[in-house]
Amino acid sequence: MINLLNKLLVFYRLIIRGCVNILSFNNQTINSKYFSSIKEIPNVIWEELGCSNNLYFNTKYLEALEKHNPQIQFSYIILLNEAQKPIAFATIQIVDFYLDSVQNDMQSVVEWVKCMGRKLRIISPEKPFKILTCGNTFVSGEHGVYIKQDQNKKQVVSQLAKAVLYHANTNLKNGIDAYMLKDFIKESLFITDELLVDGYNSFNVEPNMVLYLDEDWLTFNDYLAAFKTKFRVKARRAIKLSAFLRVEEVSINRLKDLLPKMTTLYKIVSSNSSFNLGDFNLETYKSLKENLEDNYVLNAYWLEDELVGFLSGIINQNSLDAHFVGIDYKYNREYAIYQRMLYDYISLGIDRKVTMINFGRTASEIKSSVGAIPQELTIYLRHKNSIPNRILSLFLKRIQPSQFNQKHPFKKKIVIENVN
């Protein structure tokens, strides 16, 4: 009883200090709380939400991102019900997006946008597009919004969209051009399509490539045995080529020495991405390793005395999520560096007994050759003003994920029920 009174007292003090904003729409009252730093959120809110077992909604992970990435403005929104209990949490990340950073098969679309923007004088290709992102800039998937299970999720998503606009106008007065909510799987669209009513436009970019692990794969050799002969031969050839590589599990103490070269290798890979919201500061690895310990994976790949690659990943509940990689491409073909990394992710996933590996976007075809299948992710985006939003809608309709040749390496179809 005393604990309950203490929790109510915390929320009461928040209201008295004017920290809780009360919005009203459709004859409903929405209470939303804005925080400019993860450290400002009281422990009582995390206890009520009960979301910390998911590392993407855990303070240890979020503190690491916030600490080392000053190029992004972080903030957070909590939705409260009428009883002042938290029902949802959202991560807000404000990034500067440059049209010129879009590359490869999307460049023709960007040129069209620049042309339209100049004619109508509403979009400047020289200035950054300031995007308020409700989601995780650095990871593909539904890692930016948490809603408690007992809630009407359609209603909460609509409430959240309105709360984001309110706080952008009230607390984030820094010239935001557009609002984005990312990345929602197909099964969530019946909920998130509520955003279309609020003026958002939906579109898809590259899919997240997911490998579902068979429960009978107790070792990496079990995984290879499930391959068709042609793919198994190719896999063994890649493993043979990569035998010249030395793999080092990177400790916190080693990071200081390796980070400069790792950063160079990371930028080589990220510069080839067709759609990149922002660069990741690899100094973040220090805090991620400290805070998440064995749940954060970091391996370096050496060719004799030269660092030629690295991989990183997060063990989160039942999944292994590939994070960032760095590769020296001049050695990649001869020593199958990237393919070896993919196999090392799989070997780690089997050892840690996860049910799926999220390989992320890009390089879809080679990821499909190791058994990954595409998972479509939908992004919602709207410009702050109505006329540019209509132009933005036309732009987004022209965006199509790159086509690739989906490989089917397994002798039998992998059963994927009950993996979520």
Protein backbone atom coordinates (compact mmCIF):
# COMPACT_ATOMS: atom_id res chain seq x y z
CA MET A 1 0.00 0.00 0.00
CA ILE A 2 2.84 2.36 0.88
CA ASN A 3 4.56 1.53 -2.43
CA LEU A 4 1.35 2.38 -4.34
CA LEU A 5 1.02 5.69 -2.51
CA ASN A 6 4.62 6.55 -3.32
CA LYS A 7 4.02 5.89 -7.03
CA LEU A 8 0.90 8.07 -7.03
CA LEU A 9 2.85 10.79 -5.23
CA VAL A 10 5.51 10.77 -7.97
CA PHE A 11 2.91 11.30 -10.70
CA TYR A 12 1.16 13.97 -8.60
CA ARG A 13 4.42 15.90 -8.29
CA LEU A 14 4.97 15.66 -12.03
CA ILE A 15 1.57 17.22 -12.66
CA ILE A 16 2.10 19.96 -10.08
CA ARG A 17 5.43 20.89 -11.71
CA GLY A 18 3.67 21.14 -15.07
CA CYS A 19 5.60 18.22 -16.52
CA VAL A 20 2.54 16.28 -17.67
CA ASN A 21 0.77 17.72 -20.71
CA ILE A 22 -2.93 16.97 -21.12
CA LEU A 23 -4.18 16.71 -24.69
CA SER A 24 -7.78 16.27 -25.75
CA PHE A 25 -9.22 14.83 -28.97
CA ASN A 26 -12.32 12.83 -29.90
CA ASN A 27 -13.70 13.56 -26.41
CA GLN A 28 -10.80 11.60 -24.87
CA THR A 29 -8.13 12.85 -22.54
CA ILE A 30 -4.52 11.92 -23.24
CA ASN A 31 -1.78 12.56 -20.74
CA SER A 32 1.70 12.65 -22.19
CA LYS A 33 5.02 13.25 -20.51
CA TYR A 34 8.07 14.59 -22.33
CA PHE A 35 11.67 13.88 -21.24
CA SER A 36 14.78 15.37 -22.83
CA SER A 37 17.06 12.62 -21.48
CA ILE A 38 16.67 8.96 -20.57
CA LYS A 39 18.10 9.71 -17.12
CA GLU A 40 15.14 12.00 -16.36
CA ILE A 41 12.62 9.15 -16.50
CA PRO A 42 11.76 7.97 -12.96
CA ASN A 43 12.23 4.28 -12.12
CA VAL A 44 8.55 4.03 -11.23
CA ILE A 45 7.65 4.53 -14.91
CA TRP A 46 9.91 1.68 -16.03
CA GLU A 47 8.41 -0.55 -13.32
CA GLU A 48 4.88 0.22 -14.51
CA LEU A 49 5.71 -0.27 -18.20
CA GLY A 50 7.56 -3.56 -17.61
CA CYS A 51 9.46 -3.26 -20.89
CA SER A 52 13.09 -3.40 -19.74
CA ASN A 53 13.53 -7.10 -20.60
CA ASN A 54 13.58 -5.90 -24.23
CA LEU A 55 17.06 -4.34 -24.53
CA TYR A 56 15.84 -1.69 -26.99
CA PHE A 57 13.60 -0.33 -24.22
CA ASN A 58 16.20 -0.71 -21.51
CA THR A 59 17.96 2.29 -19.98
CA LYS A 60 21.38 0.62 -20.32
CA TYR A 61 21.03 0.47 -24.10
CA LEU A 62 19.37 3.87 -24.53
CA GLU A 63 21.92 5.61 -22.30
CA ALA A 64 24.74 4.28 -24.48
CA LEU A 65 23.17 5.68 -27.66
CA GLU A 66 22.43 9.03 -26.09
CA LYS A 67 25.87 9.44 -24.53
CA HIS A 68 27.94 8.91 -27.68
CA ASN A 69 25.82 10.32 -30.51
CA PRO A 70 25.57 14.09 -30.03
CA GLN A 71 24.76 14.49 -33.73
CA ILE A 72 21.27 13.24 -32.82
CA GLN A 73 18.87 14.99 -30.46
CA PHE A 74 17.28 12.36 -28.24
CA SER A 75 14.06 12.70 -26.28
CA TYR A 76 11.28 10.44 -25.02
CA ILE A 77 7.51 10.49 -24.69
CA ILE A 78 5.44 8.55 -22.17
CA LEU A 79 1.67 8.21 -22.62
CA LEU A 80 -0.34 7.99 -19.40
CA ASN A 81 -3.92 6.86 -18.92
CA GLU A 82 -6.52 8.74 -16.88
CA ALA A 83 -5.24 7.06 -13.72
CA GLN A 84 -1.79 8.55 -14.48
CA LYS A 85 -0.28 5.14 -15.18
CA PRO A 86 2.11 4.79 -18.15
CA ILE A 87 0.71 2.84 -21.09
CA ALA A 88 3.26 3.51 -23.84
CA PHE A 89 6.83 4.65 -24.42
CA ALA A 90 8.37 6.21 -27.54
CA THR A 91 11.95 7.06 -28.44
CA ILE A 92 12.38 10.32 -30.37
CA GLN A 93 15.54 10.91 -32.42
CA ILE A 94 15.94 14.09 -34.46
CA VAL A 95 18.36 13.71 -37.37
CA ASP A 96 19.57 15.90 -40.23
CA PHE A 97 18.94 14.14 -43.53
CA TYR A 98 20.54 15.33 -46.76
CA LEU A 99 18.95 14.44 -50.09
CA ASP A 100 22.44 14.09 -51.57
CA SER A 101 23.15 11.22 -49.17
CA VAL A 102 20.70 9.01 -51.09
CA GLN A 103 22.61 6.89 -53.60
CA ASN A 104 22.44 4.16 -56.22
CA ASP A 105 19.02 3.18 -57.57
CA MET A 106 17.20 5.99 -55.70
CA GLN A 107 19.20 8.83 -57.23
CA SER A 108 16.77 9.39 -60.11
CA VAL A 109 13.95 9.82 -57.59
CA VAL A 110 16.01 12.32 -55.61
CA GLU A 111 16.73 14.37 -58.74
CA TRP A 112 12.99 14.51 -59.38
CA VAL A 113 12.39 15.76 -55.83
CA LYS A 114 15.08 18.42 -56.18
CA CYS A 115 13.54 19.63 -59.42
CA MET A 116 10.04 19.83 -57.93
CA GLY A 117 11.38 21.49 -54.79
CA ARG A 118 13.16 24.22 -56.75
CA LYS A 119 10.12 24.91 -58.94
CA LEU A 120 7.74 25.19 -55.99
CA ARG A 121 10.33 26.75 -53.64
CA ILE A 122 9.44 24.43 -50.78
CA ILE A 123 12.37 21.98 -50.62
CA SER A 124 16.01 23.01 -50.58
CA PRO A 125 18.46 20.28 -51.63
CA GLU A 126 21.32 22.25 -50.05
CA LYS A 127 19.88 22.39 -46.53
CA PRO A 128 19.35 19.33 -44.31
CA PHE A 129 15.89 17.88 -43.97
CA LYS A 130 15.35 17.79 -40.20
CA ILE A 131 13.41 14.62 -39.43
CA LEU A 132 11.87 13.75 -36.09
CA THR A 133 12.08 9.97 -36.01
CA CYS A 134 9.90 7.94 -33.68
CA GLY A 135 11.95 4.79 -33.78
CA ASN A 136 15.54 3.60 -33.71
CA THR A 137 17.79 5.20 -36.32
CA PHE A 138 20.47 2.53 -35.94
CA VAL A 139 18.44 -0.70 -36.03
CA SER A 140 15.81 -2.10 -38.40
CA GLY A 141 12.56 -3.17 -36.75
CA GLU A 142 9.92 -2.15 -34.25
CA HIS A 143 12.32 -0.78 -31.67
CA GLY A 144 11.04 2.75 -31.11
CA VAL A 145 7.55 2.32 -29.69
CA TYR A 146 6.43 0.12 -26.81
CA ILE A 147 2.73 -0.31 -25.97
CA LYS A 148 1.49 -2.32 -23.02
CA GLN A 149 -0.39 -5.49 -23.94
CA ASP A 150 -3.68 -4.52 -22.32
CA GLN A 151 -4.14 -1.40 -24.46
CA ASN A 152 -6.16 -0.56 -27.56
CA LYS A 153 -3.10 -0.28 -29.80
CA LYS A 154 -4.85 1.49 -32.67
CA GLN A 155 -6.00 4.19 -30.29
CA VAL A 156 -2.59 4.47 -28.63
CA VAL A 157 -0.77 4.86 -31.98
CA SER A 158 -3.11 7.69 -32.91
CA GLN A 159 -2.59 9.26 -29.48
CA LEU A 160 1.14 8.95 -29.84
CA ALA A 161 1.14 10.69 -33.23
CA LYS A 162 -0.72 13.63 -31.72
CA ALA A 163 1.57 13.71 -28.69
CA VAL A 164 4.63 13.79 -30.98
CA LEU A 165 3.24 16.81 -32.84
CA TYR A 166 2.35 18.55 -29.59
CA HIS A 167 5.79 18.09 -28.05
CA ALA A 168 7.53 19.04 -31.29
CA ASN A 169 5.73 22.38 -31.19
CA THR A 170 6.13 22.83 -27.44
CA ASN A 171 9.50 21.38 -26.47
CA LEU A 172 11.42 20.86 -29.71
CA LYS A 173 11.44 24.26 -31.37
CA ASN A 174 14.30 23.64 -33.76
CA GLY A 175 12.76 23.77 -37.23
CA ILE A 176 11.58 20.18 -37.70
CA ASP A 177 10.57 19.56 -41.32
CA ALA A 178 9.07 16.08 -41.15
CA TYR A 179 7.88 13.35 -38.80
CA MET A 180 8.70 9.67 -39.23
CA LEU A 181 7.55 6.51 -37.46
CA LYS A 182 9.53 3.37 -38.39
CA ASP A 183 9.76 0.23 -38.97
CA PHE A 184 6.54 -1.80 -38.73
CA ILE A 185 6.10 -5.41 -39.82
CA LYS A 186 3.17 -6.49 -41.97
CA GLU A 187 1.30 -7.94 -38.99
CA SER A 188 1.27 -4.48 -37.34
CA LEU A 189 -0.16 -2.52 -40.27
CA PHE A 190 -3.79 -2.99 -39.23
CA ILE A 191 -2.77 -0.94 -36.16
CA THR A 192 -0.30 1.56 -37.61
CA ASP A 193 -2.35 2.41 -40.71
CA GLU A 194 -4.26 4.67 -38.32
CA LEU A 195 -1.42 7.10 -39.04
CA LEU A 196 -2.70 7.55 -42.62
CA VAL A 197 -5.69 9.37 -41.13
CA ASP A 198 -3.27 11.82 -39.50
CA GLY A 199 -1.67 12.74 -42.83
CA TYR A 200 1.22 10.28 -42.83
CA ASN A 201 2.39 8.60 -46.03
CA SER A 202 3.54 4.98 -45.94
CA PHE A 203 6.39 3.48 -47.94
CA ASN A 204 8.84 0.58 -47.93
CA VAL A 205 12.60 0.57 -48.38
CA GLU A 206 14.92 -2.43 -48.34
CA PRO A 207 13.50 -5.38 -46.37
CA ASN A 208 14.97 -6.73 -43.16
CA MET A 209 16.52 -10.12 -43.92
CA VAL A 210 15.64 -12.71 -41.27
CA LEU A 211 16.96 -16.23 -40.75
CA TYR A 212 14.74 -18.49 -38.64
CA LEU A 213 16.76 -21.16 -36.86
CA ASP A 214 15.50 -24.73 -36.83
CA GLU A 215 15.29 -26.16 -33.32
CA ASP A 216 17.13 -29.26 -34.58
CA TRP A 217 20.26 -27.23 -35.39
CA LEU A 218 22.37 -27.90 -32.33
CA THR A 219 25.66 -27.10 -34.11
CA PHE A 220 26.79 -25.12 -37.14
CA ASN A 221 27.34 -28.43 -38.98
CA ASP A 222 23.64 -29.25 -38.42
CA TYR A 223 22.82 -25.97 -40.17
CA LEU A 224 25.09 -26.81 -43.12
CA ALA A 225 23.59 -30.30 -43.36
CA ALA A 226 20.20 -28.69 -44.02
CA PHE A 227 21.56 -27.10 -47.22
CA LYS A 228 21.05 -28.34 -50.74
CA THR A 229 24.29 -29.74 -52.11
CA LYS A 230 25.09 -26.72 -54.32
CA PHE A 231 24.79 -24.25 -51.46
CA ARG A 232 26.68 -26.47 -49.03
CA VAL A 233 29.60 -26.68 -51.48
CA LYS A 234 29.63 -22.87 -51.81
CA ALA A 235 29.50 -22.46 -48.04
CA ARG A 236 32.41 -24.81 -47.45
CA ARG A 237 34.41 -23.00 -50.13
CA ALA A 238 33.80 -19.64 -48.40
CA ILE A 239 34.76 -21.14 -45.04
CA LYS A 240 37.97 -22.49 -46.59
CA LEU A 241 38.86 -19.10 -48.09
CA SER A 242 38.22 -17.36 -44.76
CA ALA A 243 40.41 -19.83 -42.85
CA PHE A 244 43.26 -17.36 -43.32
CA LEU A 245 41.41 -14.86 -41.12
CA ARG A 246 42.00 -14.61 -37.41
CA VAL A 247 38.89 -13.74 -35.40
CA GLU A 248 39.25 -11.81 -32.15
CA GLU A 249 36.49 -11.19 -29.62
CA VAL A 250 36.99 -7.50 -28.85
CA SER A 251 37.15 -6.55 -25.18
CA ILE A 252 36.53 -3.09 -23.73
CA ASN A 253 40.26 -2.68 -23.13
CA ARG A 254 41.04 -3.40 -26.80
CA LEU A 255 38.49 -0.96 -28.18
CA LYS A 256 40.62 2.14 -27.65
CA ASP A 257 43.32 0.83 -29.98
CA LEU A 258 40.97 -0.58 -32.61
CA LEU A 259 38.33 2.15 -32.89
CA PRO A 260 40.14 4.42 -35.42
CA LYS A 261 40.56 1.61 -37.98
CA MET A 262 37.11 0.19 -37.18
CA THR A 263 35.58 3.61 -37.86
CA THR A 264 37.31 3.75 -41.25
CA LEU A 265 36.01 0.28 -42.15
CA TYR A 266 32.50 1.17 -40.98
CA LYS A 267 32.39 4.31 -43.13
CA ILE A 268 33.50 2.30 -46.17
CA VAL A 269 30.42 0.09 -45.75
CA SER A 270 27.94 2.82 -44.78
CA SER A 271 28.94 4.98 -47.76
CA ASN A 272 27.66 2.22 -50.06
CA SER A 273 24.21 2.18 -48.47
CA SER A 274 21.45 3.61 -50.68
CA PHE A 275 19.44 4.97 -47.71
CA ASN A 276 21.14 5.97 -44.47
CA LEU A 277 19.51 8.21 -41.86
CA GLY A 278 22.73 8.94 -40.02
CA ASP A 279 26.19 7.78 -39.05
CA PHE A 280 26.74 5.74 -35.91
CA ASN A 281 29.52 6.85 -33.57
CA LEU A 282 31.56 3.73 -32.85
CA GLU A 283 32.58 5.18 -29.47
CA THR A 284 29.12 3.87 -28.48
CA TYR A 285 30.63 0.37 -28.46
CA LYS A 286 32.43 1.18 -25.21
CA SER A 287 29.20 1.80 -23.30
CA LEU A 288 27.32 -0.99 -25.05
CA LYS A 289 29.96 -3.52 -24.00
CA GLU A 290 30.02 -2.14 -20.45
CA ASN A 291 26.24 -1.93 -20.08
CA LEU A 292 25.08 -5.04 -21.96
CA GLU A 293 28.10 -7.27 -21.30
CA ASP A 294 27.72 -10.66 -23.08
CA ASN A 295 24.51 -9.53 -24.77
CA TYR A 296 26.57 -7.24 -26.99
CA VAL A 297 28.84 -9.01 -29.48
CA LEU A 298 31.91 -7.45 -31.09
CA ASN A 299 34.38 -9.44 -33.23
CA ALA A 300 37.42 -8.22 -35.18
CA TYR A 301 38.80 -9.96 -38.29
CA TRP A 302 42.52 -9.91 -38.94
CA LEU A 303 44.58 -10.87 -41.98
CA GLU A 304 48.00 -11.37 -40.43
CA ASP A 305 48.59 -8.02 -38.65
CA GLU A 306 45.99 -6.01 -40.55
CA LEU A 307 42.44 -5.37 -39.32
CA VAL A 308 40.22 -6.11 -42.34
CA GLY A 309 36.76 -6.24 -40.78
CA PHE A 310 34.53 -6.33 -37.73
CA LEU A 311 30.99 -7.28 -36.81
CA SER A 312 28.69 -6.26 -33.98
CA GLY A 313 25.38 -7.61 -32.74
CA ILE A 314 22.82 -7.63 -29.94
CA ILE A 315 21.35 -10.69 -28.23
CA ASN A 316 17.84 -9.51 -27.43
CA GLN A 317 15.38 -12.00 -25.95
CA ASN A 318 14.91 -14.70 -28.60
CA SER A 319 16.83 -12.99 -31.41
CA LEU A 320 20.33 -12.06 -32.48
CA ASP A 321 20.27 -8.71 -34.28
CA ALA A 322 23.20 -7.91 -36.53
CA HIS A 323 24.29 -4.35 -35.81
CA PHE A 324 27.04 -2.64 -37.82
CA VAL A 325 29.89 -4.20 -39.77
CA GLY A 326 33.08 -2.86 -41.30
CA ILE A 327 34.91 -4.45 -44.25
CA ASP A 328 38.06 -3.73 -46.23
CA TYR A 329 36.60 -4.57 -49.65
CA LYS A 330 39.96 -5.08 -51.35
CA TYR A 331 40.29 -8.32 -49.36
CA ASN A 332 36.65 -9.29 -49.31
CA ARG A 333 36.42 -11.48 -52.42
CA GLU A 334 39.71 -13.32 -51.91
CA TYR A 335 39.07 -14.15 -48.26
CA ALA A 336 35.24 -14.20 -48.19
CA ILE A 337 35.21 -11.78 -45.24
CA TYR A 338 31.53 -10.80 -45.36
CA GLN A 339 30.29 -14.32 -45.97
CA ARG A 340 32.39 -15.52 -43.03
CA MET A 341 30.73 -12.84 -40.88
CA LEU A 342 27.29 -14.11 -41.85
CA TYR A 343 28.25 -17.66 -40.88
CA ASP A 344 29.72 -16.41 -37.59
CA TYR A 345 26.41 -14.67 -36.78
CA ILE A 346 24.63 -17.97 -37.47
CA SER A 347 27.07 -20.02 -35.39
CA LEU A 348 26.66 -17.57 -32.50
CA GLY A 349 22.87 -17.65 -32.82
CA ILE A 350 22.86 -21.45 -32.63
CA ASP A 351 25.20 -21.42 -29.61
CA ARG A 352 23.04 -18.83 -27.82
CA LYS A 353 19.86 -20.77 -28.73
CA VAL A 354 17.98 -17.86 -30.30
CA THR A 355 15.10 -18.54 -32.68
CA MET A 356 15.93 -15.91 -35.30
CA ILE A 357 18.72 -13.76 -36.64
CA ASN A 358 17.87 -10.29 -37.94
CA PHE A 359 20.51 -9.46 -40.53
CA GLY A 360 19.08 -6.03 -41.29
CA ARG A 361 18.83 -4.26 -44.62
CA THR A 362 21.24 -4.21 -47.59
CA ALA A 363 23.06 -7.08 -49.34
CA SER A 364 19.77 -8.97 -49.51
CA GLU A 365 20.85 -11.55 -52.08
CA ILE A 366 23.93 -12.83 -50.25
CA LYS A 367 21.92 -12.93 -47.02
CA SER A 368 19.27 -15.00 -48.77
CA SER A 369 22.03 -17.42 -49.86
CA VAL A 370 22.60 -18.28 -46.17
CA GLY A 371 18.87 -18.86 -45.65
CA ALA A 372 17.47 -15.44 -44.73
CA ILE A 373 14.10 -14.37 -46.08
CA PRO A 374 12.81 -10.80 -46.57
CA GLN A 375 10.62 -9.18 -43.95
CA GLU A 376 8.88 -6.07 -45.27
CA LEU A 377 9.04 -3.04 -43.01
CA THR A 378 6.74 -0.04 -43.44
CA ILE A 379 7.75 3.52 -42.62
CA TYR A 380 5.32 6.39 -42.10
CA LEU A 381 6.41 9.92 -42.99
CA ARG A 382 4.71 13.31 -43.16
CA HIS A 383 5.89 16.85 -43.80
CA LYS A 384 4.85 19.46 -41.25
CA ASN A 385 3.05 21.50 -43.94
CA SER A 386 0.27 20.26 -46.17
CA ILE A 387 1.55 21.31 -49.62
CA PRO A 388 5.08 19.88 -49.15
CA ASN A 389 3.40 16.79 -47.68
CA ARG A 390 1.58 16.24 -50.98
CA ILE A 391 4.87 16.55 -52.87
CA LEU A 392 6.44 14.17 -50.36
CA SER A 393 3.61 11.71 -51.03
CA LEU A 394 4.45 11.73 -54.76
CA PHE A 395 8.12 11.22 -53.96
CA LEU A 396 7.46 8.26 -51.67
CA LYS A 397 5.27 6.56 -54.26
CA ARG A 398 8.31 6.42 -56.53
CA ILE A 399 10.43 4.62 -53.94
CA GLN A 400 10.58 0.89 -54.49
CA PRO A 401 12.81 -1.63 -52.69
CA SER A 402 15.60 -2.97 -54.90
CA GLN A 403 14.84 -6.23 -56.65
CA PHE A 404 17.11 -9.15 -55.88
CA ASN A 405 17.34 -12.85 -56.68
CA GLN A 406 15.99 -14.64 -53.61
CA LYS A 407 17.98 -17.82 -52.96
CA HIS A 408 16.46 -20.97 -51.44
CA PRO A 409 19.39 -22.93 -49.98
CA PHE A 410 17.54 -25.37 -47.71
CA LYS A 411 16.38 -28.86 -48.68
CA LYS A 412 13.13 -28.28 -46.83
CA LYS A 413 11.20 -25.21 -45.80
CA ILE A 414 12.05 -23.96 -42.31
CA VAL A 415 9.03 -23.89 -39.98
CA ILE A 416 8.68 -20.37 -38.53
CA GLU A 417 5.63 -20.66 -36.29
CA ASN A 418 5.85 -19.53 -32.68
CA VAL A 419 9.10 -17.61 -33.02
CA ASN A 420 7.86 -14.22 -31.87
